[in-house]
């Protein structure tokens, strides 16, 4: 039986401000083009969308512009989040997620 899942590596990372960090995420999906997401929960429990990507596009939240990016390696089924340079305001628990929901266009 096939199942859809994501796997994150190195859940706890301590990095110095100004450096680069790569948060690793791999996925296994029965769908050829799943939607992939990064979210975070900040120390004040604020839940925030960080990044979205699929085979054809990606976009990030307003705060992600410039310092956040993703390495979407299709053949390796990887969707890594890169933060550079890291700032103290980036302190959070980060989660990789996948959606296999198919969107069906509405008929007009």
Protein backbone atom coordinates (compact mmCIF):
# COMPACT_ATOMS: atom_id res chain seq x y z
CA UNK A 1 0.00 0.00 0.00
CA UNK A 2 1.34 3.43 -0.96
CA UNK A 3 0.98 6.40 1.35
CA UNK A 4 1.75 10.09 1.21
CA UNK A 5 4.19 11.45 3.78
CA UNK A 6 6.76 14.10 4.51
CA UNK A 7 9.92 13.63 6.54
CA UNK A 8 11.86 16.41 8.22
CA UNK A 9 15.46 16.14 9.35
CA UNK A 10 17.21 17.98 12.16
CA UNK A 11 14.16 19.33 14.01
CA UNK A 12 16.24 21.36 16.50
CA UNK A 13 18.91 23.60 15.07
CA UNK A 14 20.85 26.36 16.75
CA UNK A 15 22.35 28.80 14.28
CA UNK A 16 24.11 32.12 14.64
CA UNK A 17 22.46 35.31 13.40
CA UNK A 18 23.74 36.21 9.97
CA UNK A 19 24.44 32.62 8.92
CA UNK A 20 22.49 30.36 6.56
CA UNK A 21 20.32 27.44 7.61
CA UNK A 22 18.73 24.76 5.44
CA UNK A 23 15.70 22.96 6.90
CA UNK A 24 15.39 19.60 5.19
CA UNK A 25 12.12 18.10 3.97
CA UNK A 26 11.59 15.08 1.75
CA UNK A 27 8.28 13.71 0.59
CA UNK A 28 6.76 10.58 -0.87
CA UNK A 29 3.51 10.91 -2.73
CA UNK A 30 1.29 8.87 -4.99
CA UNK A 31 0.46 12.15 -6.78
CA UNK A 32 2.77 13.47 -9.46
CA UNK A 33 2.47 17.11 -8.36
CA UNK A 34 1.62 17.56 -4.68
CA UNK A 35 1.41 21.00 -3.13
CA UNK A 36 4.21 21.49 -0.60
CA UNK A 37 4.21 23.97 2.27
CA UNK A 38 6.39 25.33 5.03
CA UNK A 39 4.69 26.73 8.14
CA UNK A 40 6.08 27.92 11.43
CA UNK A 41 4.92 28.42 15.00
CA UNK A 42 6.68 31.27 16.74
CA UNK A 43 7.45 31.37 20.48
CA UNK A 44 4.31 33.52 20.99
CA UNK A 45 2.29 30.63 19.41
CA UNK A 46 1.58 32.65 16.28
CA UNK A 47 1.05 30.17 13.40
CA UNK A 48 2.41 31.51 10.10
CA UNK A 49 2.48 30.38 6.48
CA UNK A 50 6.06 30.58 5.16
CA UNK A 51 6.28 29.07 1.65
CA UNK A 52 4.32 27.10 -0.96
CA UNK A 53 5.56 25.25 -4.00
CA UNK A 54 4.60 22.69 -6.62
CA UNK A 55 6.16 21.65 -9.95
CA UNK A 56 5.37 24.92 -11.70
CA UNK A 57 5.45 27.68 -9.09
CA UNK A 58 6.40 28.77 -5.60
CA UNK A 59 5.67 31.78 -3.43
CA UNK A 60 6.37 32.91 0.09
CA UNK A 61 4.80 35.01 2.79
CA UNK A 62 5.44 38.75 3.02
CA UNK A 63 8.17 38.25 5.64
CA UNK A 64 9.87 35.56 3.52
CA UNK A 65 10.78 37.89 0.67
CA UNK A 66 14.51 38.21 0.20
CA UNK A 67 15.81 35.97 2.98
CA UNK A 68 13.72 32.80 2.58
CA UNK A 69 13.79 30.48 -0.42
CA UNK A 70 13.14 26.84 -1.22
CA UNK A 71 15.23 24.21 -2.96
CA UNK A 72 12.64 22.08 -4.73
CA UNK A 73 14.51 19.06 -6.04
CA UNK A 74 11.88 17.14 -8.01
CA UNK A 75 13.95 14.04 -8.77
CA UNK A 76 14.94 13.69 -5.11
CA UNK A 77 11.43 14.61 -3.90
CA UNK A 78 12.88 17.30 -1.64
CA UNK A 79 11.48 20.69 -0.61
CA UNK A 80 14.13 22.31 1.59
CA UNK A 81 13.65 25.71 3.22
CA UNK A 82 16.67 28.03 3.12
CA UNK A 83 16.92 31.06 5.42
CA UNK A 84 19.81 33.43 4.79
CA UNK A 85 20.81 35.45 6.60
CA UNK A 86 19.16 34.10 9.74
CA UNK A 87 17.75 36.65 12.15
CA UNK A 88 16.62 36.29 15.77
CA UNK A 89 13.04 36.94 14.59
CA UNK A 90 13.21 33.63 12.69
CA UNK A 91 13.14 31.66 15.96
CA UNK A 92 10.25 29.22 15.57
CA UNK A 93 9.30 25.60 15.08
CA UNK A 94 9.10 24.96 11.34
CA UNK A 95 6.88 22.34 9.73
CA UNK A 96 6.89 20.92 6.23
CA UNK A 97 3.49 19.75 4.94
CA UNK A 98 2.02 18.31 1.77
CA UNK A 99 -1.40 18.57 0.18
CA UNK A 100 -2.60 16.01 -2.31
CA UNK A 101 -5.99 17.66 -2.80
CA UNK A 102 -6.83 17.98 -6.45
CA UNK A 103 -8.46 21.25 -7.48
CA UNK A 104 -11.13 20.85 -10.10
CA UNK A 105 -11.91 23.97 -12.18
CA UNK A 106 -15.45 25.25 -11.82
CA UNK A 107 -17.67 25.16 -14.85
CA UNK A 108 -19.07 28.55 -15.79
